[in-house]
Amino acid sequence: TIKRATTSGGPYTTRAISVTNTSYTDTDVTNGITYYYVVSAI
């Protein structure tokens, strides 16, 4: 599960679930904004 925030430490919102690879490309982003990510495993 991929989680994202625009502030370090969150709060995070779920960006994607059921990702089966160990990589992910987030294309729903805006240039110039810093994004913070964490990942959890199921």
PDB file of all heavy atoms in Angstrom:
ATOM      1  N   THR A   1       0.853  -1.188   0.000  1.00  0.00           N
ATOM      2  CA  THR A   1       0.000   0.000   0.000  1.00  0.00           C
ATOM      3  C   THR A   1       0.889   1.239   0.000  1.00  0.00           C
ATOM      4  O   THR A   1       1.794   1.348   0.831  1.00  0.00           O
ATOM      5  CB  THR A   1      -0.921   0.020   1.228  1.00  0.00           C
ATOM      6  OG1 THR A   1      -1.748  -1.147   1.209  1.00  0.00           O
ATOM      7  CG2 THR A   1      -1.810   1.256   1.222  1.00  0.00           C
ATOM      8  N   ILE A   2       0.636   2.144  -0.933  1.00  0.00           N
ATOM      9  CA  ILE A   2       1.422   3.368  -1.072  1.00  0.00           C
ATOM     10  C   ILE A   2       0.662   4.506  -0.405  1.00  0.00           C
ATOM     11  O   ILE A   2      -0.519   4.728  -0.691  1.00  0.00           O
ATOM     12  CB  ILE A   2       1.667   3.720  -2.550  1.00  0.00           C
ATOM     13  CG1 ILE A   2       2.081   2.471  -3.355  1.00  0.00           C
ATOM     14  CG2 ILE A   2       2.694   4.826  -2.672  1.00  0.00           C
ATOM     15  CD1 ILE A   2       3.340   1.805  -2.871  1.00  0.00           C
ATOM     16  N   LYS A   3       1.343   5.244   0.484  1.00  0.00           N
ATOM     17  CA  LYS A   3       0.719   6.371   1.185  1.00  0.00           C
ATOM     18  C   LYS A   3       1.545   7.629   0.947  1.00  0.00           C
ATOM     19  O   LYS A   3       2.773   7.558   0.884  1.00  0.00           O
ATOM     20  CB  LYS A   3       0.618   6.071   2.685  1.00  0.00           C
ATOM     21  CG  LYS A   3      -0.115   4.763   2.987  1.00  0.00           C
ATOM     22  CD  LYS A   3       0.030   4.351   4.437  1.00  0.00           C
ATOM     23  CE  LYS A   3      -0.504   2.960   4.685  1.00  0.00           C
ATOM     24  NZ  LYS A   3      -0.305   2.521   6.075  1.00  0.00           N
ATOM     25  N   ARG A   4       0.860   8.769   0.857  1.00  0.00           N
ATOM     26  CA  ARG A   4       1.527  10.014   0.475  1.00  0.00           C
ATOM     27  C   ARG A   4       1.043  11.176   1.326  1.00  0.00           C
ATOM     28  O   ARG A   4      -0.102  11.192   1.780  1.00  0.00           O
ATOM     29  CB  ARG A   4       1.244  10.297  -1.006  1.00  0.00           C
ATOM     30  CG  ARG A   4       2.029  11.451  -1.597  1.00  0.00           C
ATOM     31  CD  ARG A   4       1.652  11.654  -3.044  1.00  0.00           C
ATOM     32  NE  ARG A   4       0.392  12.360  -3.197  1.00  0.00           N
ATOM     33  CZ  ARG A   4      -0.170  12.655  -4.370  1.00  0.00           C
ATOM     34  NH1 ARG A   4       0.416  12.279  -5.487  1.00  0.00           N
ATOM     35  NH2 ARG A   4      -1.308  13.309  -4.428  1.00  0.00           N
ATOM     36  N   ALA A   5       1.947  12.134   1.535  1.00  0.00           N
ATOM     37  CA  ALA A   5       1.595  13.361   2.241  1.00  0.00           C
ATOM     38  C   ALA A   5       2.363  14.518   1.621  1.00  0.00           C
ATOM     39  O   ALA A   5       3.331  14.320   0.870  1.00  0.00           O
ATOM     40  CB  ALA A   5       1.934  13.241   3.728  1.00  0.00           C
ATOM     41  N   THR A   6       1.952  15.732   1.918  1.00  0.00           N
ATOM     42  CA  THR A   6       2.694  16.913   1.479  1.00  0.00           C
ATOM     43  C   THR A   6       3.425  17.565   2.653  1.00  0.00           C
ATOM     44  O   THR A   6       3.993  18.636   2.504  1.00  0.00           O
ATOM     45  CB  THR A   6       1.747  17.934   0.823  1.00  0.00           C
ATOM     46  OG1 THR A   6       0.663  18.201   1.719  1.00  0.00           O
ATOM     47  CG2 THR A   6       1.202  17.394  -0.498  1.00  0.00           C
ATOM     48  N   THR A   7       3.381  16.881   3.798  1.00  0.00           N
ATOM     49  CA  THR A   7       4.111  17.319   4.989  1.00  0.00           C
ATOM     50  C   THR A   7       4.880  16.143   5.551  1.00  0.00           C
ATOM     51  O   THR A   7       4.322  15.040   5.661  1.00  0.00           O
ATOM     52  CB  THR A   7       3.151  17.867   6.067  1.00  0.00           C
ATOM     53  OG1 THR A   7       2.372  18.930   5.502  1.00  0.00           O
ATOM     54  CG2 THR A   7       3.919  18.388   7.267  1.00  0.00           C
ATOM     55  N   SER A   8       6.124  16.339   5.911  1.00  0.00           N
ATOM     56  CA  SER A   8       6.922  15.251   6.475  1.00  0.00           C
ATOM     57  C   SER A   8       6.271  14.718   7.750  1.00  0.00           C
ATOM     58  O   SER A   8       5.875  15.477   8.618  1.00  0.00           O
ATOM     59  CB  SER A   8       8.337  15.748   6.793  1.00  0.00           C
ATOM     60  OG  SER A   8       9.116  14.704   7.345  1.00  0.00           O
ATOM     61  N   GLY A   9       6.136  13.400   7.825  1.00  0.00           N
ATOM     62  CA  GLY A   9       5.505  12.773   8.982  1.00  0.00           C
ATOM     63  C   GLY A   9       4.011  12.611   8.869  1.00  0.00           C
ATOM     64  O   GLY A   9       3.364  12.063   9.760  1.00  0.00           O
ATOM     65  N   GLY A  10       3.418  13.089   7.746  1.00  0.00           N
ATOM     66  CA  GLY A  10       1.989  12.930   7.530  1.00  0.00           C
ATOM     67  C   GLY A  10       1.178  14.098   8.068  1.00  0.00           C
ATOM     68  O   GLY A  10       1.737  15.137   8.409  1.00  0.00           O
ATOM     69  N   PRO A  11      -0.167  13.947   8.094  1.00  0.00           N
ATOM     70  CA  PRO A  11      -0.887  12.688   7.884  1.00  0.00           C
ATOM     71  C   PRO A  11      -0.856  12.228   6.428  1.00  0.00           C
ATOM     72  O   PRO A  11      -0.910  13.046   5.508  1.00  0.00           O
ATOM     73  CB  PRO A  11      -2.322  13.032   8.307  1.00  0.00           C
ATOM     74  CG  PRO A  11      -2.423  14.514   8.080  1.00  0.00           C
ATOM     75  CD  PRO A  11      -1.076  15.072   8.396  1.00  0.00           C
ATOM     76  N   TYR A  12      -0.766  10.885   6.262  1.00  0.00           N
ATOM     77  CA  TYR A  12      -0.681  10.299   4.941  1.00  0.00           C
ATOM     78  C   TYR A  12      -2.068   9.892   4.444  1.00  0.00           C
ATOM     79  O   TYR A  12      -2.933   9.509   5.233  1.00  0.00           O
ATOM     80  CB  TYR A  12       0.212   9.051   4.957  1.00  0.00           C
ATOM     81  CG  TYR A  12       1.618   9.305   5.448  1.00  0.00           C
ATOM     82  CD1 TYR A  12       1.999   8.956   6.741  1.00  0.00           C
ATOM     83  CD2 TYR A  12       2.569   9.881   4.619  1.00  0.00           C
ATOM     84  CE1 TYR A  12       3.290   9.186   7.198  1.00  0.00           C
ATOM     85  CE2 TYR A  12       3.864  10.116   5.060  1.00  0.00           C
ATOM     86  CZ  TYR A  12       4.214   9.771   6.353  1.00  0.00           C
ATOM     87  OH  TYR A  12       5.488   9.996   6.797  1.00  0.00           O
ATOM     88  N   THR A  13      -2.269   9.978   3.139  1.00  0.00           N
ATOM     89  CA  THR A  13      -3.461   9.437   2.504  1.00  0.00           C
ATOM     90  C   THR A  13      -3.036   8.308   1.575  1.00  0.00           C
ATOM     91  O   THR A  13      -1.928   8.315   1.038  1.00  0.00           O
ATOM     92  CB  THR A  13      -4.214  10.508   1.696  1.00  0.00           C
ATOM     93  OG1 THR A  13      -3.333  11.070   0.717  1.00  0.00           O
ATOM     94  CG2 THR A  13      -4.723  11.612   2.604  1.00  0.00           C
ATOM     95  N   THR A  14      -3.923   7.351   1.406  1.00  0.00           N
ATOM     96  CA  THR A  14      -3.605   6.199   0.558  1.00  0.00           C
ATOM     97  C   THR A  14      -3.584   6.619  -0.899  1.00  0.00           C
ATOM     98  O   THR A  14      -4.554   7.162  -1.419  1.00  0.00           O
ATOM     99  CB  THR A  14      -4.625   5.075   0.774  1.00  0.00           C
ATOM    100  OG1 THR A  14      -4.584   4.668   2.142  1.00  0.00           O
ATOM    101  CG2 THR A  14      -4.303   3.885  -0.118  1.00  0.00           C
ATOM    102  N   ARG A  15      -2.451   6.350  -1.550  1.00  0.00           N
ATOM    103  CA  ARG A  15      -2.299   6.691  -2.967  1.00  0.00           C
ATOM    104  C   ARG A  15      -2.626   5.495  -3.855  1.00  0.00           C
ATOM    105  O   ARG A  15      -3.180   5.650  -4.933  1.00  0.00           O
ATOM    106  CB  ARG A  15      -0.851   7.162  -3.226  1.00  0.00           C
ATOM    107  CG  ARG A  15      -0.588   7.586  -4.661  1.00  0.00           C
ATOM    108  CD  ARG A  15      -1.282   8.896  -4.979  1.00  0.00           C
ATOM    109  NE  ARG A  15      -1.246   9.175  -6.394  1.00  0.00           N
ATOM    110  CZ  ARG A  15      -2.184   8.865  -7.254  1.00  0.00           C
ATOM    111  NH1 ARG A  15      -3.288   8.260  -6.846  1.00  0.00           N
ATOM    112  NH2 ARG A  15      -2.082   9.172  -8.530  1.00  0.00           N
ATOM    113  N   ALA A  16      -2.260   4.286  -3.417  1.00  0.00           N
ATOM    114  CA  ALA A  16      -2.526   3.082  -4.208  1.00  0.00           C
ATOM    115  C   ALA A  16      -2.553   1.875  -3.276  1.00  0.00           C
ATOM    116  O   ALA A  16      -1.849   1.832  -2.269  1.00  0.00           O
ATOM    117  CB  ALA A  16      -1.475   2.886  -5.289  1.00  0.00           C
ATOM    118  N   ILE A  17      -3.402   0.899  -3.602  1.00  0.00           N
ATOM    119  CA  ILE A  17      -3.470  -0.347  -2.855  1.00  0.00           C
ATOM    120  C   ILE A  17      -3.244  -1.514  -3.807  1.00  0.00           C
ATOM    121  O   ILE A  17      -3.268  -1.347  -5.029  1.00  0.00           O
ATOM    122  CB  ILE A  17      -4.831  -0.511  -2.154  1.00  0.00           C
ATOM    123  CG1 ILE A  17      -5.977  -0.522  -3.184  1.00  0.00           C
ATOM    124  CG2 ILE A  17      -5.053   0.575  -1.114  1.00  0.00           C
ATOM    125  CD1 ILE A  17      -7.328  -0.832  -2.581  1.00  0.00           C
ATOM    126  N   SER A  18      -2.978  -2.677  -3.240  1.00  0.00           N
ATOM    127  CA  SER A  18      -2.819  -3.916  -4.017  1.00  0.00           C
ATOM    128  C   SER A  18      -1.722  -3.806  -5.060  1.00  0.00           C
ATOM    129  O   SER A  18      -1.828  -4.373  -6.160  1.00  0.00           O
ATOM    130  CB  SER A  18      -4.152  -4.303  -4.678  1.00  0.00           C
ATOM    131  OG  SER A  18      -5.166  -4.461  -3.710  1.00  0.00           O
ATOM    132  N   VAL A  19      -0.646  -3.070  -4.760  1.00  0.00           N
ATOM    133  CA  VAL A  19       0.513  -2.987  -5.649  1.00  0.00           C
ATOM    134  C   VAL A  19       1.342  -4.246  -5.439  1.00  0.00           C
ATOM    135  O   VAL A  19       1.782  -4.538  -4.326  1.00  0.00           O
ATOM    136  CB  VAL A  19       1.359  -1.732  -5.348  1.00  0.00           C
ATOM    137  CG1 VAL A  19       2.616  -1.715  -6.202  1.00  0.00           C
ATOM    138  CG2 VAL A  19       0.532  -0.477  -5.589  1.00  0.00           C
ATOM    139  N   THR A  20       1.567  -5.021  -6.484  1.00  0.00           N
ATOM    140  CA  THR A  20       2.249  -6.308  -6.338  1.00  0.00           C
ATOM    141  C   THR A  20       3.741  -6.232  -6.636  1.00  0.00           C
ATOM    142  O   THR A  20       4.479  -7.163  -6.315  1.00  0.00           O
ATOM    143  CB  THR A  20       1.607  -7.353  -7.267  1.00  0.00           C
ATOM    144  OG1 THR A  20       1.607  -6.861  -8.623  1.00  0.00           O
ATOM    145  CG2 THR A  20       0.164  -7.631  -6.845  1.00  0.00           C
ATOM    146  N   ASN A  21       4.198  -5.140  -7.243  1.00  0.00           N
ATOM    147  CA  ASN A  21       5.630  -4.975  -7.496  1.00  0.00           C
ATOM    148  C   ASN A  21       6.287  -4.243  -6.329  1.00  0.00           C
ATOM    149  O   ASN A  21       5.610  -3.757  -5.425  1.00  0.00           O
ATOM    150  CB  ASN A  21       5.862  -4.183  -8.792  1.00  0.00           C
ATOM    151  CG  ASN A  21       5.299  -4.897  -9.994  1.00  0.00           C
ATOM    152  OD1 ASN A  21       5.373  -6.111 -10.098  1.00  0.00           O
ATOM    153  ND2 ASN A  21       4.716  -4.144 -10.918  1.00  0.00           N
ATOM    154  N   THR A  22       7.623  -4.147  -6.365  1.00  0.00           N
ATOM    155  CA  THR A  22       8.341  -3.361  -5.352  1.00  0.00           C
ATOM    156  C   THR A  22       8.769  -2.021  -5.933  1.00  0.00           C
ATOM    157  O   THR A  22       9.800  -1.461  -5.557  1.00  0.00           O
ATOM    158  CB  THR A  22       9.558  -4.133  -4.810  1.00  0.00           C
ATOM    159  OG1 THR A  22      10.388  -4.508  -5.914  1.00  0.00           O
ATOM    160  CG2 THR A  22       9.121  -5.366  -4.048  1.00  0.00           C
ATOM    161  N   SER A  23       7.961  -1.518  -6.849  1.00  0.00           N
ATOM    162  CA  SER A  23       8.180  -0.195  -7.418  1.00  0.00           C
ATOM    163  C   SER A  23       6.827   0.396  -7.790  1.00  0.00           C
ATOM    164  O   SER A  23       5.852  -0.330  -7.998  1.00  0.00           O
ATOM    165  CB  SER A  23       9.082  -0.260  -8.658  1.00  0.00           C
ATOM    166  OG  SER A  23       8.473  -1.030  -9.675  1.00  0.00           O
ATOM    167  N   TYR A  24       6.781   1.712  -7.840  1.00  0.00           N
ATOM    168  CA  TYR A  24       5.533   2.396  -8.162  1.00  0.00           C
ATOM    169  C   TYR A  24       5.859   3.772  -8.709  1.00  0.00           C
ATOM    170  O   TYR A  24       6.766   4.455  -8.213  1.00  0.00           O
ATOM    171  CB  TYR A  24       4.660   2.529  -6.912  1.00  0.00           C
ATOM    172  CG  TYR A  24       3.388   3.310  -7.131  1.00  0.00           C
ATOM    173  CD1 TYR A  24       2.287   2.726  -7.732  1.00  0.00           C
ATOM    174  CD2 TYR A  24       3.294   4.645  -6.734  1.00  0.00           C
ATOM    175  CE1 TYR A  24       1.114   3.443  -7.932  1.00  0.00           C
ATOM    176  CE2 TYR A  24       2.130   5.362  -6.925  1.00  0.00           C
ATOM    177  CZ  TYR A  24       1.047   4.757  -7.530  1.00  0.00           C
ATOM    178  OH  TYR A  24      -0.118   5.467  -7.732  1.00  0.00           O
ATOM    179  N   THR A  25       5.143   4.191  -9.751  1.00  0.00           N
ATOM    180  CA  THR A  25       5.314   5.513 -10.332  1.00  0.00           C
ATOM    181  C   THR A  25       4.074   6.350 -10.077  1.00  0.00           C
ATOM    182  O   THR A  25       2.974   5.980 -10.483  1.00  0.00           O
ATOM    183  CB  THR A  25       5.581   5.427 -11.844  1.00  0.00           C
ATOM    184  OG1 THR A  25       6.773   4.671 -12.070  1.00  0.00           O
ATOM    185  CG2 THR A  25       5.759   6.819 -12.434  1.00  0.00           C
ATOM    186  N   ASP A  26       4.255   7.447  -9.369  1.00  0.00           N
ATOM    187  CA  ASP A  26       3.152   8.359  -9.058  1.00  0.00           C
ATOM    188  C   ASP A  26       3.168   9.487 -10.084  1.00  0.00           C
ATOM    189  O   ASP A  26       4.091  10.310 -10.110  1.00  0.00           O
ATOM    190  CB  ASP A  26       3.327   8.908  -7.644  1.00  0.00           C
ATOM    191  CG  ASP A  26       2.097   9.689  -7.173  1.00  0.00           C
ATOM    192  OD1 ASP A  26       1.140   9.808  -7.958  1.00  0.00           O
ATOM    193  OD2 ASP A  26       2.101  10.156  -6.016  1.00  0.00           O
ATOM    194  N   THR A  27       2.147   9.508 -10.915  1.00  0.00           N
ATOM    195  CA  THR A  27       2.063  10.535 -11.956  1.00  0.00           C
ATOM    196  C   THR A  27       1.064  11.643 -11.601  1.00  0.00           C
ATOM    197  O   THR A  27       0.934  12.610 -12.337  1.00  0.00           O
ATOM    198  CB  THR A  27       1.667   9.903 -13.300  1.00  0.00           C
ATOM    199  OG1 THR A  27       0.436   9.188 -13.134  1.00  0.00           O
ATOM    200  CG2 THR A  27       2.742   8.938 -13.785  1.00  0.00           C
ATOM    201  N   ASP A  28       0.366  11.477 -10.473  1.00  0.00           N
ATOM    202  CA  ASP A  28      -0.589  12.498 -10.043  1.00  0.00           C
ATOM    203  C   ASP A  28       0.124  13.485  -9.110  1.00  0.00           C
ATOM    204  O   ASP A  28      -0.196  13.610  -7.929  1.00  0.00           O
ATOM    205  CB  ASP A  28      -1.768  11.836  -9.332  1.00  0.00           C
ATOM    206  CG  ASP A  28      -2.850  12.846  -8.965  1.00  0.00           C
ATOM    207  OD1 ASP A  28      -2.873  13.928  -9.570  1.00  0.00           O
ATOM    208  OD2 ASP A  28      -3.658  12.542  -8.061  1.00  0.00           O
ATOM    209  N   VAL A  29       1.125  14.156  -9.656  1.00  0.00           N
ATOM    210  CA  VAL A  29       1.932  15.095  -8.872  1.00  0.00           C
ATOM    211  C   VAL A  29       2.068  16.405  -9.643  1.00  0.00           C
ATOM    212  O   VAL A  29       1.885  16.442 -10.859  1.00  0.00           O
ATOM    213  CB  VAL A  29       3.329  14.518  -8.559  1.00  0.00           C
ATOM    214  CG1 VAL A  29       3.219  13.295  -7.672  1.00  0.00           C
ATOM    215  CG2 VAL A  29       4.086  14.186  -9.846  1.00  0.00           C
ATOM    216  N   THR A  30       2.430  17.458  -8.918  1.00  0.00           N
ATOM    217  CA  THR A  30       2.623  18.778  -9.510  1.00  0.00           C
ATOM    218  C   THR A  30       4.076  19.190  -9.364  1.00  0.00           C
ATOM    219  O   THR A  30       4.635  19.102  -8.257  1.00  0.00           O
ATOM    220  CB  THR A  30       1.719  19.818  -8.821  1.00  0.00           C
ATOM    221  OG1 THR A  30       0.346  19.408  -8.944  1.00  0.00           O
ATOM    222  CG2 THR A  30       1.898  21.196  -9.454  1.00  0.00           C
ATOM    223  N   ASN A  31       4.678  19.597 -10.448  1.00  0.00           N
ATOM    224  CA  ASN A  31       6.074  20.027 -10.399  1.00  0.00           C
ATOM    225  C   ASN A  31       6.256  21.153  -9.379  1.00  0.00           C
ATOM    226  O   ASN A  31       5.439  22.075  -9.286  1.00  0.00           O
ATOM    227  CB  ASN A  31       6.550  20.495 -11.772  1.00  0.00           C
ATOM    228  CG  ASN A  31       6.773  19.350 -12.731  1.00  0.00           C
ATOM    229  OD1 ASN A  31       6.993  18.221 -12.319  1.00  0.00           O
ATOM    230  ND2 ASN A  31       6.711  19.626 -14.032  1.00  0.00           N
ATOM    231  N   GLY A  32       7.352  21.063  -8.622  1.00  0.00           N
ATOM    232  CA  GLY A  32       7.672  22.088  -7.645  1.00  0.00           C
ATOM    233  C   GLY A  32       7.160  21.813  -6.242  1.00  0.00           C
ATOM    234  O   GLY A  32       7.542  22.504  -5.293  1.00  0.00           O
ATOM    235  N   ILE A  33       6.285  20.802  -6.076  1.00  0.00           N
ATOM    236  CA  ILE A  33       5.760  20.438  -4.753  1.00  0.00           C
ATOM    237  C   ILE A  33       6.502  19.206  -4.246  1.00  0.00           C
ATOM    238  O   ILE A  33       6.689  18.242  -4.984  1.00  0.00           O
ATOM    239  CB  ILE A  33       4.248  20.162  -4.810  1.00  0.00           C
ATOM    240  CG1 ILE A  33       3.482  21.437  -5.192  1.00  0.00           C
ATOM    241  CG2 ILE A  33       3.738  19.615  -3.487  1.00  0.00           C
ATOM    242  CD1 ILE A  33       1.992  21.240  -5.320  1.00  0.00           C
ATOM    243  N   THR A  34       6.917  19.240  -2.983  1.00  0.00           N
ATOM    244  CA  THR A  34       7.602  18.093  -2.385  1.00  0.00           C
ATOM    245  C   THR A  34       6.574  17.128  -1.817  1.00  0.00           C
ATOM    246  O   THR A  34       5.664  17.527  -1.081  1.00  0.00           O
ATOM    247  CB  THR A  34       8.557  18.544  -1.270  1.00  0.00           C
ATOM    248  OG1 THR A  34       9.533  19.429  -1.827  1.00  0.00           O
ATOM    249  CG2 THR A  34       9.273  17.354  -0.653  1.00  0.00           C
ATOM    250  N   TYR A  35       6.710  15.855  -2.179  1.00  0.00           N
ATOM    251  CA  TYR A  35       5.806  14.799  -1.705  1.00  0.00           C
ATOM    252  C   TYR A  35       6.579  13.827  -0.819  1.00  0.00           C
ATOM    253  O   TYR A  35       7.736  13.504  -1.092  1.00  0.00           O
ATOM    254  CB  TYR A  35       5.186  14.054  -2.886  1.00  0.00           C
ATOM    255  CG  TYR A  35       4.305  14.924  -3.757  1.00  0.00           C
ATOM    256  CD1 TYR A  35       4.841  15.632  -4.831  1.00  0.00           C
ATOM    257  CD2 TYR A  35       2.947  15.048  -3.501  1.00  0.00           C
ATOM    258  CE1 TYR A  35       4.041  16.443  -5.629  1.00  0.00           C
ATOM    259  CE2 TYR A  35       2.135  15.860  -4.293  1.00  0.00           C
ATOM    260  CZ  TYR A  35       2.688  16.546  -5.360  1.00  0.00           C
ATOM    261  OH  TYR A  35       1.900  17.336  -6.144  1.00  0.00           O
ATOM    262  N   TYR A  36       5.901  13.361   0.234  1.00  0.00           N
ATOM    263  CA  TYR A  36       6.499  12.440   1.197  1.00  0.00           C
ATOM    264  C   TYR A  36       5.743  11.113   1.140  1.00  0.00           C
ATOM    265  O   TYR A  36       4.502  11.098   1.145  1.00  0.00           O
ATOM    266  CB  TYR A  36       6.442  13.026   2.608  1.00  0.00           C
ATOM    267  CG  TYR A  36       7.163  14.348   2.727  1.00  0.00           C
ATOM    268  CD1 TYR A  36       6.528  15.548   2.382  1.00  0.00           C
ATOM    269  CD2 TYR A  36       8.473  14.416   3.179  1.00  0.00           C
ATOM    270  CE1 TYR A  36       7.181  16.768   2.476  1.00  0.00           C
ATOM    271  CE2 TYR A  36       9.143  15.626   3.281  1.00  0.00           C
ATOM    272  CZ  TYR A  36       8.483  16.796   2.927  1.00  0.00           C
ATOM    273  OH  TYR A  36       9.136  18.003   3.022  1.00  0.00           O
ATOM    274  N   TYR A  37       6.478  10.002   1.107  1.00  0.00           N
ATOM    275  CA  TYR A  37       5.873   8.686   0.912  1.00  0.00           C
ATOM    276  C   TYR A  37       6.287   7.706   2.007  1.00  0.00           C
ATOM    277  O   TYR A  37       7.406   7.778   2.541  1.00  0.00           O
ATOM    278  CB  TYR A  37       6.287   8.094  -0.430  1.00  0.00           C
ATOM    279  CG  TYR A  37       5.825   8.864  -1.636  1.00  0.00           C
ATOM    280  CD1 TYR A  37       6.583   9.904  -2.153  1.00  0.00           C
ATOM    281  CD2 TYR A  37       4.620   8.557  -2.263  1.00  0.00           C
ATOM    282  CE1 TYR A  37       6.159  10.622  -3.265  1.00  0.00           C
ATOM    283  CE2 TYR A  37       4.186   9.268  -3.374  1.00  0.00           C
ATOM    284  CZ  TYR A  37       4.965  10.296  -3.869  1.00  0.00           C
ATOM    285  OH  TYR A  37       4.542  11.005  -4.967  1.00  0.00           O
ATOM    286  N   VAL A  38       5.380   6.783   2.334  1.00  0.00           N
ATOM    287  CA  VAL A  38       5.688   5.579   3.099  1.00  0.00           C
ATOM    288  C   VAL A  38       4.967   4.423   2.417  1.00  0.00           C
ATOM    289  O   VAL A  38       3.988   4.632   1.683  1.00  0.00           O
ATOM    290  CB  VAL A  38       5.253   5.685   4.580  1.00  0.00           C
ATOM    291  CG1 VAL A  38       6.078   6.721   5.319  1.00  0.00           C
ATOM    292  CG2 VAL A  38       3.768   5.982   4.690  1.00  0.00           C
ATOM    293  N   VAL A  39       5.448   3.205   2.660  1.00  0.00           N
ATOM    294  CA  VAL A  39       4.864   1.996   2.061  1.00  0.00           C
ATOM    295  C   VAL A  39       4.649   0.974   3.170  1.00  0.00           C
ATOM    296  O   VAL A  39       5.492   0.837   4.070  1.00  0.00           O
ATOM    297  CB  VAL A  39       5.790   1.411   0.976  1.00  0.00           C
ATOM    298  CG1 VAL A  39       5.234   0.096   0.441  1.00  0.00           C
ATOM    299  CG2 VAL A  39       5.975   2.404  -0.162  1.00  0.00           C
ATOM    300  N   SER A  40       3.517   0.269   3.127  1.00  0.00           N
ATOM    301  CA  SER A  40       3.271  -0.842   4.052  1.00  0.00           C
ATOM    302  C   SER A  40       3.025  -2.110   3.247  1.00  0.00           C
ATOM    303  O   SER A  40       2.623  -2.052   2.078  1.00  0.00           O
ATOM    304  CB  SER A  40       2.079  -0.552   4.966  1.00  0.00           C
ATOM    305  OG  SER A  40       0.896  -0.353   4.204  1.00  0.00           O
ATOM    306  N   ALA A  41       3.278  -3.256   3.870  1.00  0.00           N
ATOM    307  CA  ALA A  41       3.109  -4.553   3.214  1.00  0.00           C
ATOM    308  C   ALA A  41       1.882  -5.262   3.773  1.00  0.00           C
ATOM    309  O   ALA A  41       1.560  -5.121   4.957  1.00  0.00           O
ATOM    310  CB  ALA A  41       4.350  -5.413   3.412  1.00  0.00           C
ATOM    311  N   ILE A  42       1.191  -6.026   2.935  1.00  0.00           N
ATOM    312  CA  ILE A  42       0.067  -6.851   3.363  1.00  0.00           C
ATOM    313  C   ILE A  42       0.515  -8.307   3.295  1.00  0.00           C
ATOM    314  O   ILE A  42       0.821  -8.823   2.218  1.00  0.00           O
ATOM    315  CB  ILE A  42      -1.175  -6.647   2.480  1.00  0.00           C
ATOM    316  CG1 ILE A  42      -1.564  -5.161   2.440  1.00  0.00           C
ATOM    317  CG2 ILE A  42      -2.329  -7.506   2.986  1.00  0.00           C
ATOM    318  CD1 ILE A  42      -1.969  -4.590   3.772  1.00  0.00           C
TER     319      ILE A  42
END
